[in-house]
C-alpha atoms as a PDB file:
ATOM      1  CA  MET A   1     -36.555  30.643  34.281  1.00  0.00           C
ATOM      2  CA  VAL A   2     -35.940  27.100  33.061  1.00  0.00           C
ATOM      3  CA  ASN A   3     -36.528  28.192  29.473  1.00  0.00           C
ATOM      4  CA  ARG A   4     -33.856  30.918  29.756  1.00  0.00           C
ATOM      5  CA  ILE A   5     -31.287  28.434  31.023  1.00  0.00           C
ATOM      6  CA  GLY A   6     -32.267  25.946  28.321  1.00  0.00           C
ATOM      7  CA  GLU A   7     -31.918  28.579  25.600  1.00  0.00           C
ATOM      8  CA  ARG A   8     -28.543  29.630  26.928  1.00  0.00           C
ATOM      9  CA  GLY A   9     -27.438  26.003  27.147  1.00  0.00           C
ATOM     10  CA  ALA A  10     -28.514  25.374  23.562  1.00  0.00           C
ATOM     11  CA  ALA A  11     -26.687  28.486  22.370  1.00  0.00           C
ATOM     12  CA  ILE A  12     -23.533  27.545  24.267  1.00  0.00           C
ATOM     13  CA  CYS A  13     -23.740  24.000  22.888  1.00  0.00           C
ATOM     14  CA  ALA A  14     -24.109  25.327  19.337  1.00  0.00           C
ATOM     15  CA  ILE A  15     -21.186  27.719  19.780  1.00  0.00           C
ATOM     16  CA  LEU A  16     -18.961  24.995  21.227  1.00  0.00           C
ATOM     17  CA  THR A  17     -19.933  22.635  18.414  1.00  0.00           C
ATOM     18  CA  ALA A  18     -19.097  25.278  15.802  1.00  0.00           C
ATOM     19  CA  LEU A  19     -15.790  26.056  17.521  1.00  0.00           C
ATOM     20  CA  THR A  20     -14.869  22.375  17.714  1.00  0.00           C
ATOM     21  CA  LEU A  21     -15.748  21.840  14.068  1.00  0.00           C
ATOM     22  CA  THR A  22     -13.668  24.865  13.077  1.00  0.00           C
ATOM     23  CA  LEU A  23     -10.667  23.600  15.046  1.00  0.00           C
ATOM     24  CA  VAL A  24     -10.915  20.080  13.608  1.00  0.00           C
ATOM     25  CA  LEU A  25     -11.244  21.341  10.046  1.00  0.00           C
ATOM     26  CA  GLY A  26      -8.359  23.773  10.554  1.00  0.00           C
ATOM     27  CA  SER A  27      -6.161  20.996  11.886  1.00  0.00           C
ATOM     28  CA  ASN A  28      -7.061  18.759   8.962  1.00  0.00           C
ATOM     29  CA  LEU A  29      -6.316  21.567   6.518  1.00  0.00           C
ATOM     30  CA  ARG A  30      -2.908  22.126   8.121  1.00  0.00           C
ATOM     31  CA  ASP A  31      -2.145  18.392   7.826  1.00  0.00           C
ATOM     32  CA  ILE A  32      -3.164  18.407   4.166  1.00  0.00           C
ATOM     33  CA  TRP A  33      -0.863  21.353   3.468  1.00  0.00           C
ATOM     34  CA  ALA A  34       2.017  19.592   5.223  1.00  0.00           C
ATOM     35  CA  ALA A  35       1.400  16.425   3.197  1.00  0.00           C
ATOM     36  CA  GLN A  36       1.252  18.437  -0.014  1.00  0.00           C
ATOM     37  CA  ASP A  37       4.561  20.102   0.834  1.00  0.00           C
ATOM     38  CA  GLY A  38       6.130  16.698   1.506  1.00  0.00           C
ATOM     39  CA  LEU A  39       4.847  15.354  -1.809  1.00  0.00           C
ATOM     40  CA  GLY A  40       6.270  18.374  -3.618  1.00  0.00           C
ATOM     41  CA  LYS A  41       9.681  17.762  -2.081  1.00  0.00           C
ATOM     42  CA  SER A  42       9.530  14.066  -2.973  1.00  0.00           C
ATOM     43  CA  ILE A  43       8.660  14.865  -6.570  1.00  0.00           C
ATOM     44  CA  ALA A  44      11.573  17.296  -6.795  1.00  0.00           C
ATOM     45  CA  GLN A  45      13.977  14.657  -5.459  1.00  0.00           C
ATOM     46  CA  GLN A  46      12.655  12.074  -7.898  1.00  0.00           C
ATOM     47  CA  GLU A  47      13.054  14.487 -10.809  1.00  0.00           C
ATOM     48  CA  ALA A  48      16.698  15.057  -9.872  1.00  0.00           C
ATOM     49  CA  ALA A  49      17.306  11.303  -9.611  1.00  0.00           C
ATOM     50  CA  LEU A  50      15.513  10.713 -12.926  1.00  0.00           C
ATOM     51  CA  LYS A  51      17.653  13.321 -14.672  1.00  0.00           C
ATOM     52  CA  ALA A  52      20.831  11.729 -13.304  1.00  0.00           C
ATOM     53  CA  ASN A  53      19.582   8.303 -14.385  1.00  0.00           C
ATOM     54  CA  GLN A  54      18.868   9.557 -17.893  1.00  0.00           C
ATOM     55  CA  THR A  55      22.380  11.002 -18.113  1.00  0.00           C
ATOM     56  CA  VAL A  56      23.942   7.694 -17.061  1.00  0.00           C
ATOM     57  CA  GLU A  57      21.701   5.792 -19.475  1.00  0.00           C
ATOM     58  CA  THR A  58      22.765   8.035 -22.374  1.00  0.00           C
ATOM     59  CA  GLN A  59      26.427   7.578 -21.491  1.00  0.00           C
ATOM     60  CA  LEU A  60      25.990   3.809 -21.248  1.00  0.00           C
ATOM     61  CA  GLU A  61      24.261   3.666 -24.632  1.00  0.00           C
ATOM     62  CA  LYS A  62      27.126   5.630 -26.213  1.00  0.00           C
ATOM     63  CA  LEU A  63      29.659   3.328 -24.573  1.00  0.00           C
ATOM     64  CA  ALA A  64      27.819   0.233 -25.792  1.00  0.00           C
ATOM     65  CA  ALA A  65      27.513   1.628 -29.323  1.00  0.00           C
ATOM     66  CA  GLY A  66      31.236   2.419 -29.375  1.00  0.00           C
ATOM     67  CA  THR A  67      32.063  -1.082 -28.121  1.00  0.00           C
ATOM     68  CA  GLN A  68      29.863  -2.588 -30.846  1.00  0.00           C
ATOM     69  CA  LYS A  69      31.635  -0.497 -33.507  1.00  0.00           C
ATOM     70  CA  LEU A  70      35.018  -1.679 -32.228  1.00  0.00           C
ATOM     71  CA  ALA A  71      33.775  -5.274 -32.280  1.00  0.00           C
ATOM     72  CA  ASP A  72      32.547  -4.818 -35.860  1.00  0.00           C
ATOM     73  CA  GLN A  73      36.013  -3.531 -36.774  1.00  0.00           C
ATOM     74  CA  GLY A  74      37.557  -6.713 -35.385  1.00  0.00           C
ATOM     75  CA  ASN A  75      38.766  -5.665 -31.940  1.00  0.00           C
ATOM     76  CA  PRO A  76      38.981  -8.928 -29.964  1.00  0.00           C
ATOM     77  CA  ASN A  77      38.379  -7.327 -26.567  1.00  0.00           C
ATOM     78  CA  ALA A  78      35.283  -5.545 -27.816  1.00  0.00           C
ATOM     79  CA  GLN A  79      34.083  -8.775 -29.467  1.00  0.00           C
ATOM     80  CA  ARG A  80      34.480 -10.587 -26.167  1.00  0.00           C
ATOM     81  CA  ILE A  81      32.507  -7.892 -24.320  1.00  0.00           C
ATOM     82  CA  VAL A  82      29.730  -7.969 -26.927  1.00  0.00           C
ATOM     83  CA  GLY A  83      29.666 -11.771 -26.713  1.00  0.00           C
ATOM     84  CA  LEU A  84      29.373 -11.702 -22.925  1.00  0.00           C
ATOM     85  CA  LEU A  85      26.569  -9.172 -23.139  1.00  0.00           C
ATOM     86  CA  LYS A  86      24.706 -11.369 -25.632  1.00  0.00           C
ATOM     87  CA  GLN A  87      25.118 -14.381 -23.333  1.00  0.00           C
ATOM     88  CA  ASN A  88      23.413 -12.345 -20.617  1.00  0.00           C
ATOM     89  CA  GLY A  89      20.567 -11.364 -22.935  1.00  0.00           C
ATOM     90  CA  ILE A  90      21.738  -7.847 -23.645  1.00  0.00           C
ATOM     91  CA  THR A  91      21.755  -6.686 -27.243  1.00  0.00           C
ATOM     92  CA  ILE A  92      23.361  -3.519 -28.496  1.00  0.00           C
ATOM     93  CA  ASN A  93      21.532  -1.391 -31.015  1.00  0.00           C
ATOM     94  CA  ALA A  94      24.329   0.696 -32.503  1.00  0.00           C
ATOM     95  CA  LYS A  95      23.000   3.989 -33.837  1.00  0.00           C
END
């Protein structure tokens, strides 16, 4: 009789252990999927910000090149702007 109870107890213990392991792994998998979704959203937001930054950078480069051309043509205001930029360590590479 003791052996039957011991066998049942071992089987129940094994089943509960397997169930617990399944629940823990399932919970961890759900957390990983949630983290992956959050990372995907973050990457998408960064890509949008990067694209906007690249647009502003292109516009700024065109503005700087135009200012340099005006300074080369003798425009005093453009020369002053180019001079101030050089004082601050910013050089313009006119294309």
